[in-house]
Amino acid sequence: MNNIEQLIADQQMETREIVNALLADGSDPNATYDIEHHFACEDFDALEKAAVDVFKAGFAVDDAEELELEDGSIAYCFSAMAQHGLEIERLDDDCQGLIQLASKHKVLYDGWGTHFVEAAQE
């Protein structure tokens, strides 16, 4: 298994853990979620090129932020947003494509996250 395949497999496992944890905690299985995919890189130009490709892939992209790391070096990051349900197949497809884009530009794909959504009272 090459590095990209391993990253994708690891992300698929993490996706299942996130979705299962949300649903086990009572998050609404039928809700539309704000999904944020995270990217980072020490090279701003590479990150900017990745952001353009992520936008072209259909995601909303926020402005890059500058972060100072513990060792004093500077890194840049941005998030790509989508809205949809907690469908494993959709999340796997999105993550796979975004990992491949990140690899192409030599930036880090740092996973995705979302927030708990209270189930509607019947």
N, C-alpha and C. Protein backbone atom coordinates (compact mmCIF):
# COMPACT_ATOMS: atom_id res chain seq x y z
N MET A 1 0.85 -1.18 0.00
CA MET A 1 0.00 0.00 0.00
C MET A 1 0.90 1.24 0.00
N ASN A 2 0.65 2.16 -0.95
CA ASN A 2 1.48 3.38 -0.97
C ASN A 2 0.97 4.38 0.06
N ASN A 3 1.68 5.47 0.18
CA ASN A 3 1.39 6.47 1.21
C ASN A 3 -0.02 7.06 1.07
N ILE A 4 -0.44 7.39 -0.14
CA ILE A 4 -1.77 7.97 -0.34
C ILE A 4 -2.85 6.94 0.01
N GLU A 5 -2.66 5.70 -0.41
CA GLU A 5 -3.63 4.66 -0.07
C GLU A 5 -3.74 4.49 1.44
N GLN A 6 -2.61 4.57 2.14
CA GLN A 6 -2.62 4.44 3.60
C GLN A 6 -3.34 5.62 4.24
N LEU A 7 -3.08 6.83 3.73
CA LEU A 7 -3.77 8.02 4.25
C LEU A 7 -5.28 7.89 4.07
N ILE A 8 -5.68 7.41 2.90
CA ILE A 8 -7.11 7.25 2.61
C ILE A 8 -7.71 6.19 3.54
N ALA A 9 -7.03 5.06 3.71
CA ALA A 9 -7.53 4.00 4.60
C ALA A 9 -7.63 4.50 6.04
N ASP A 10 -6.63 5.24 6.49
CA ASP A 10 -6.66 5.79 7.85
C ASP A 10 -7.82 6.76 8.01
N GLN A 11 -8.04 7.60 6.98
CA GLN A 11 -9.13 8.57 7.05
C GLN A 11 -10.48 7.87 7.04
N GLN A 12 -10.62 6.81 6.28
CA GLN A 12 -11.88 6.07 6.26
C GLN A 12 -12.19 5.51 7.64
N MET A 13 -11.17 5.00 8.32
CA MET A 13 -11.37 4.48 9.67
C MET A 13 -11.78 5.62 10.62
N GLU A 14 -11.11 6.76 10.50
CA GLU A 14 -11.44 7.90 11.35
C GLU A 14 -12.86 8.41 11.06
N THR A 15 -13.24 8.43 9.79
CA THR A 15 -14.59 8.86 9.42
C THR A 15 -15.64 8.01 10.12
N ARG A 16 -15.45 6.70 10.11
CA ARG A 16 -16.40 5.82 10.77
C ARG A 16 -16.44 6.07 12.27
N GLU A 17 -15.29 6.33 12.87
CA GLU A 17 -15.25 6.62 14.31
C GLU A 17 -16.00 7.91 14.62
N ILE A 18 -15.80 8.94 13.80
CA ILE A 18 -16.48 10.23 14.03
C ILE A 18 -17.99 10.07 13.89
N VAL A 19 -18.42 9.46 12.79
CA VAL A 19 -19.86 9.30 12.55
C VAL A 19 -20.49 8.44 13.64
N ASN A 20 -19.86 7.33 13.98
CA ASN A 20 -20.41 6.45 15.02
C ASN A 20 -20.49 7.16 16.37
N ALA A 21 -19.47 7.96 16.70
CA ALA A 21 -19.48 8.69 17.97
C ALA A 21 -20.61 9.73 18.00
N LEU A 22 -20.78 10.46 16.90
CA LEU A 22 -21.86 11.45 16.84
C LEU A 22 -23.22 10.79 17.01
N LEU A 23 -23.44 9.71 16.28
CA LEU A 23 -24.74 9.04 16.35
C LEU A 23 -24.96 8.37 17.71
N ALA A 24 -23.90 7.81 18.29
CA ALA A 24 -24.03 7.18 19.61
C ALA A 24 -24.35 8.21 20.69
N ASP A 25 -23.89 9.45 20.48
CA ASP A 25 -24.18 10.52 21.43
C ASP A 25 -25.56 11.12 21.22
N GLY A 26 -26.28 10.68 20.17
CA GLY A 26 -27.64 11.16 19.94
C GLY A 26 -27.76 12.25 18.91
N SER A 27 -26.70 12.51 18.14
CA SER A 27 -26.80 13.50 17.07
C SER A 27 -27.81 13.02 16.03
N ASP A 28 -28.54 13.96 15.44
CA ASP A 28 -29.62 13.64 14.51
C ASP A 28 -29.09 12.95 13.25
N PRO A 29 -29.48 11.69 13.02
CA PRO A 29 -28.97 10.97 11.85
C PRO A 29 -29.51 11.50 10.52
N ASN A 30 -30.56 12.30 10.57
CA ASN A 30 -31.18 12.82 9.35
C ASN A 30 -30.86 14.28 9.08
N ALA A 31 -30.03 14.88 9.90
CA ALA A 31 -29.71 16.30 9.78
C ALA A 31 -28.75 16.56 8.63
N THR A 32 -28.72 17.81 8.21
CA THR A 32 -27.69 18.30 7.30
C THR A 32 -26.60 18.90 8.17
N TYR A 33 -25.38 18.46 7.96
CA TYR A 33 -24.24 18.87 8.77
C TYR A 33 -23.32 19.82 8.00
N ASP A 34 -22.72 20.75 8.73
CA ASP A 34 -21.66 21.59 8.18
C ASP A 34 -20.36 20.80 8.36
N ILE A 35 -19.82 20.30 7.27
CA ILE A 35 -18.60 19.50 7.29
C ILE A 35 -17.42 20.40 6.94
N GLU A 36 -16.39 20.41 7.78
CA GLU A 36 -15.18 21.20 7.52
C GLU A 36 -13.99 20.27 7.33
N HIS A 37 -13.37 20.36 6.16
CA HIS A 37 -12.15 19.62 5.86
C HIS A 37 -10.98 20.57 6.06
N HIS A 38 -9.91 20.10 6.70
CA HIS A 38 -8.81 20.98 7.11
C HIS A 38 -7.52 20.69 6.33
N PHE A 39 -6.84 21.76 5.95
CA PHE A 39 -5.59 21.68 5.19
C PHE A 39 -4.55 22.59 5.84
N ALA A 40 -3.27 22.20 5.75
CA ALA A 40 -2.19 23.02 6.32
C ALA A 40 -0.92 22.81 5.52
N CYS A 41 -0.06 23.83 5.56
CA CYS A 41 1.22 23.76 4.86
C CYS A 41 2.09 24.93 5.31
N GLU A 42 3.39 24.75 5.28
CA GLU A 42 4.30 25.85 5.59
C GLU A 42 4.55 26.73 4.38
N ASP A 43 4.18 26.27 3.19
CA ASP A 43 4.38 27.02 1.93
C ASP A 43 3.04 27.63 1.52
N PHE A 44 2.92 28.95 1.69
CA PHE A 44 1.66 29.63 1.41
C PHE A 44 1.24 29.44 -0.05
N ASP A 45 2.18 29.53 -0.99
CA ASP A 45 1.85 29.40 -2.41
C ASP A 45 1.25 28.02 -2.72
N ALA A 46 1.83 26.97 -2.14
CA ALA A 46 1.31 25.62 -2.35
C ALA A 46 -0.10 25.51 -1.77
N LEU A 47 -0.30 26.08 -0.59
CA LEU A 47 -1.61 26.04 0.05
C LEU A 47 -2.64 26.78 -0.79
N GLU A 48 -2.25 27.92 -1.33
CA GLU A 48 -3.16 28.71 -2.16
C GLU A 48 -3.57 27.93 -3.43
N LYS A 49 -2.63 27.23 -4.04
CA LYS A 49 -2.95 26.43 -5.23
C LYS A 49 -3.88 25.28 -4.87
N ALA A 50 -3.65 24.67 -3.72
CA ALA A 50 -4.54 23.61 -3.26
C ALA A 50 -5.95 24.17 -3.03
N ALA A 51 -6.04 25.35 -2.44
CA ALA A 51 -7.35 25.96 -2.16
C ALA A 51 -8.12 26.21 -3.46
N VAL A 52 -7.43 26.63 -4.50
CA VAL A 52 -8.09 26.86 -5.79
C VAL A 52 -8.65 25.54 -6.33
N ASP A 53 -7.86 24.47 -6.27
CA ASP A 53 -8.34 23.18 -6.76
C ASP A 53 -9.49 22.65 -5.91
N VAL A 54 -9.44 22.86 -4.60
CA VAL A 54 -10.52 22.42 -3.72
C VAL A 54 -11.80 23.19 -4.05
N PHE A 55 -11.68 24.48 -4.31
CA PHE A 55 -12.83 25.29 -4.71
C PHE A 55 -13.40 24.78 -6.04
N LYS A 56 -12.53 24.50 -6.99
CA LYS A 56 -12.98 23.99 -8.28
C LYS A 56 -13.67 22.63 -8.14
N ALA A 57 -13.34 21.89 -7.08
CA ALA A 57 -13.96 20.59 -6.82
C ALA A 57 -15.35 20.74 -6.18
N GLY A 58 -15.77 21.99 -5.92
CA GLY A 58 -17.13 22.22 -5.44
C GLY A 58 -17.28 22.55 -3.97
N PHE A 59 -16.18 22.80 -3.28
CA PHE A 59 -16.24 23.12 -1.86
C PHE A 59 -16.14 24.63 -1.66
N ALA A 60 -16.80 25.13 -0.62
CA ALA A 60 -16.59 26.51 -0.18
C ALA A 60 -15.26 26.53 0.56
N VAL A 61 -14.45 27.52 0.30
CA VAL A 61 -13.11 27.59 0.89
C VAL A 61 -12.97 28.90 1.65
N ASP A 62 -12.50 28.81 2.91
CA ASP A 62 -12.31 30.05 3.66
C ASP A 62 -10.90 30.60 3.42
N ASP A 63 -10.66 31.81 3.91
CA ASP A 63 -9.36 32.44 3.74
C ASP A 63 -8.31 31.71 4.57
N ALA A 64 -7.10 31.67 4.04
CA ALA A 64 -6.00 31.03 4.76
C ALA A 64 -5.67 31.83 6.02
N GLU A 65 -5.29 31.12 7.07
CA GLU A 65 -4.85 31.73 8.32
C GLU A 65 -3.41 31.37 8.57
N GLU A 66 -2.71 32.27 9.22
CA GLU A 66 -1.31 32.02 9.59
C GLU A 66 -1.27 31.56 11.04
N LEU A 67 -0.51 30.50 11.29
CA LEU A 67 -0.36 29.97 12.65
C LEU A 67 1.10 29.89 13.01
N GLU A 68 1.41 30.24 14.25
CA GLU A 68 2.76 30.04 14.74
C GLU A 68 2.80 28.71 15.48
N LEU A 69 3.71 27.84 15.05
CA LEU A 69 3.83 26.52 15.66
C LEU A 69 4.66 26.59 16.93
N GLU A 70 4.65 25.51 17.70
CA GLU A 70 5.38 25.48 18.98
C GLU A 70 6.86 25.79 18.82
N ASP A 71 7.44 25.39 17.69
CA ASP A 71 8.87 25.64 17.47
C ASP A 71 9.15 27.03 16.91
N GLY A 72 8.10 27.85 16.77
CA GLY A 72 8.27 29.21 16.29
C GLY A 72 8.13 29.35 14.78
N SER A 73 8.06 28.25 14.07
CA SER A 73 7.89 28.33 12.62
C SER A 73 6.44 28.71 12.29
N ILE A 74 6.23 29.11 11.05
CA ILE A 74 4.91 29.56 10.61
C ILE A 74 4.31 28.52 9.67
N ALA A 75 3.03 28.26 9.84
CA ALA A 75 2.27 27.40 8.93
C ALA A 75 1.00 28.14 8.54
N TYR A 76 0.42 27.72 7.45
CA TYR A 76 -0.81 28.32 6.96
C TYR A 76 -1.86 27.21 6.86
N CYS A 77 -3.11 27.59 7.06
CA CYS A 77 -4.18 26.59 7.00
C CYS A 77 -5.45 27.21 6.43
N PHE A 78 -6.31 26.34 5.91
CA PHE A 78 -7.65 26.77 5.50
C PHE A 78 -8.59 25.60 5.66
N SER A 79 -9.87 25.91 5.65
CA SER A 79 -10.91 24.88 5.72
C SER A 79 -11.74 24.92 4.45
N ALA A 80 -12.20 23.75 4.05
CA ALA A 80 -13.12 23.61 2.92
C ALA A 80 -14.43 23.09 3.49
N MET A 81 -15.52 23.72 3.14
CA MET A 81 -16.80 23.38 3.74
C MET A 81 -17.77 22.78 2.72
N ALA A 82 -18.59 21.86 3.24
CA ALA A 82 -19.68 21.28 2.47
C ALA A 82 -20.83 21.04 3.45
N GLN A 83 -22.03 20.95 2.93
CA GLN A 83 -23.19 20.66 3.77
C GLN A 83 -23.89 19.42 3.22
N HIS A 84 -23.99 18.41 4.07
CA HIS A 84 -24.69 17.19 3.70
C HIS A 84 -24.85 16.32 4.94
N GLY A 85 -25.52 15.20 4.77
CA GLY A 85 -25.74 14.28 5.87
C GLY A 85 -24.47 13.51 6.22
N LEU A 86 -24.56 12.69 7.24
CA LEU A 86 -23.43 11.89 7.69
C LEU A 86 -23.36 10.57 6.91
N GLU A 87 -23.35 10.67 5.60
CA GLU A 87 -23.30 9.49 4.75
C GLU A 87 -21.84 9.06 4.58
N ILE A 88 -21.54 7.85 5.06
CA ILE A 88 -20.17 7.34 5.03
C ILE A 88 -19.60 7.37 3.61
N GLU A 89 -20.37 6.90 2.63
CA GLU A 89 -19.86 6.83 1.26
C GLU A 89 -19.51 8.22 0.73
N ARG A 90 -20.37 9.20 0.99
CA ARG A 90 -20.10 10.58 0.53
C ARG A 90 -18.85 11.12 1.22
N LEU A 91 -18.75 10.91 2.52
CA LEU A 91 -17.58 11.38 3.26
C LEU A 91 -16.31 10.70 2.76
N ASP A 92 -16.36 9.39 2.53
CA ASP A 92 -15.20 8.67 2.00
C ASP A 92 -14.78 9.23 0.65
N ASP A 93 -15.75 9.45 -0.24
CA ASP A 93 -15.44 9.98 -1.58
C ASP A 93 -14.82 11.37 -1.48
N ASP A 94 -15.42 12.24 -0.66
CA ASP A 94 -14.87 13.58 -0.50
C ASP A 94 -13.46 13.53 0.07
N CYS A 95 -13.27 12.75 1.11
CA CYS A 95 -11.94 12.67 1.74
C CYS A 95 -10.90 12.12 0.77
N GLN A 96 -11.25 11.10 0.02
CA GLN A 96 -10.31 10.53 -0.93
C GLN A 96 -9.88 11.58 -1.96
N GLY A 97 -10.84 12.28 -2.53
CA GLY A 97 -10.51 13.32 -3.51
C GLY A 97 -9.67 14.43 -2.91
N LEU A 98 -10.00 14.83 -1.69
CA LEU A 98 -9.26 15.93 -1.04
C LEU A 98 -7.86 15.48 -0.64
N ILE A 99 -7.69 14.26 -0.22
CA ILE A 99 -6.36 13.74 0.10
C ILE A 99 -5.50 13.72 -1.16
N GLN A 100 -6.10 13.32 -2.27
CA GLN A 100 -5.35 13.30 -3.54
C GLN A 100 -4.96 14.72 -3.97
N LEU A 101 -5.87 15.68 -3.82
CA LEU A 101 -5.53 17.07 -4.13
C LEU A 101 -4.43 17.60 -3.22
N ALA A 102 -4.53 17.28 -1.94
CA ALA A 102 -3.50 17.72 -0.99
C ALA A 102 -2.14 17.14 -1.37
N SER A 103 -2.13 15.87 -1.72
CA SER A 103 -0.87 15.22 -2.10
C SER A 103 -0.28 15.87 -3.36
N LYS A 104 -1.14 16.17 -4.32
CA LYS A 104 -0.70 16.81 -5.56
C LYS A 104 0.04 18.11 -5.27
N HIS A 105 -0.44 18.87 -4.28
CA HIS A 105 0.14 20.18 -3.97
C HIS A 105 1.14 20.12 -2.80
N LYS A 106 1.36 18.92 -2.28
CA LYS A 106 2.28 18.73 -1.16
C LYS A 106 1.87 19.53 0.07
N VAL A 107 0.56 19.48 0.36
CA VAL A 107 0.03 20.07 1.58
C VAL A 107 -0.58 18.96 2.43
N LEU A 108 -0.81 19.22 3.68
CA LEU A 108 -1.37 18.24 4.61
C LEU A 108 -2.89 18.32 4.60
N TYR A 109 -3.55 17.19 4.36
CA TYR A 109 -4.98 17.08 4.60
C TYR A 109 -5.10 16.62 6.04
N ASP A 110 -5.75 17.42 6.88
CA ASP A 110 -5.76 17.16 8.32
C ASP A 110 -7.14 16.72 8.82
N GLY A 111 -7.88 15.99 7.97
CA GLY A 111 -9.15 15.43 8.40
C GLY A 111 -10.31 16.40 8.32
N TRP A 112 -11.43 15.92 8.84
CA TRP A 112 -12.65 16.72 8.81
C TRP A 112 -13.31 16.70 10.17
N GLY A 113 -14.23 17.63 10.34
CA GLY A 113 -14.99 17.69 11.57
C GLY A 113 -16.34 18.32 11.32
N THR A 114 -17.19 18.20 12.32
CA THR A 114 -18.52 18.81 12.28
C THR A 114 -19.00 18.96 13.71
N HIS A 115 -20.19 19.47 13.89
CA HIS A 115 -20.75 19.67 15.22
C HIS A 115 -21.95 18.75 15.44
N PHE A 116 -22.18 18.43 16.68
CA PHE A 116 -23.36 17.68 17.11
C PHE A 116 -24.61 18.46 16.69
N VAL A 117 -25.61 17.74 16.18
CA VAL A 117 -26.89 18.35 15.83
C VAL A 117 -27.97 17.66 16.66
N GLU A 118 -28.64 18.46 17.46
CA GLU A 118 -29.70 17.94 18.34
C GLU A 118 -30.80 17.32 17.48
N ALA A 119 -31.24 16.14 17.85
CA ALA A 119 -32.33 15.48 17.14
C ALA A 119 -33.62 16.26 17.36
N ALA A 120 -34.42 16.36 16.32
CA ALA A 120 -35.70 17.07 16.40
C ALA A 120 -36.64 16.31 17.34
N GLN A 121 -37.35 17.06 18.16
CA GLN A 121 -38.33 16.46 19.08
C GLN A 121 -39.60 16.16 18.31
N GLU A 122 -40.14 14.99 18.50
CA GLU A 122 -41.39 14.61 17.79
C GLU A 122 -42.58 14.84 18.66
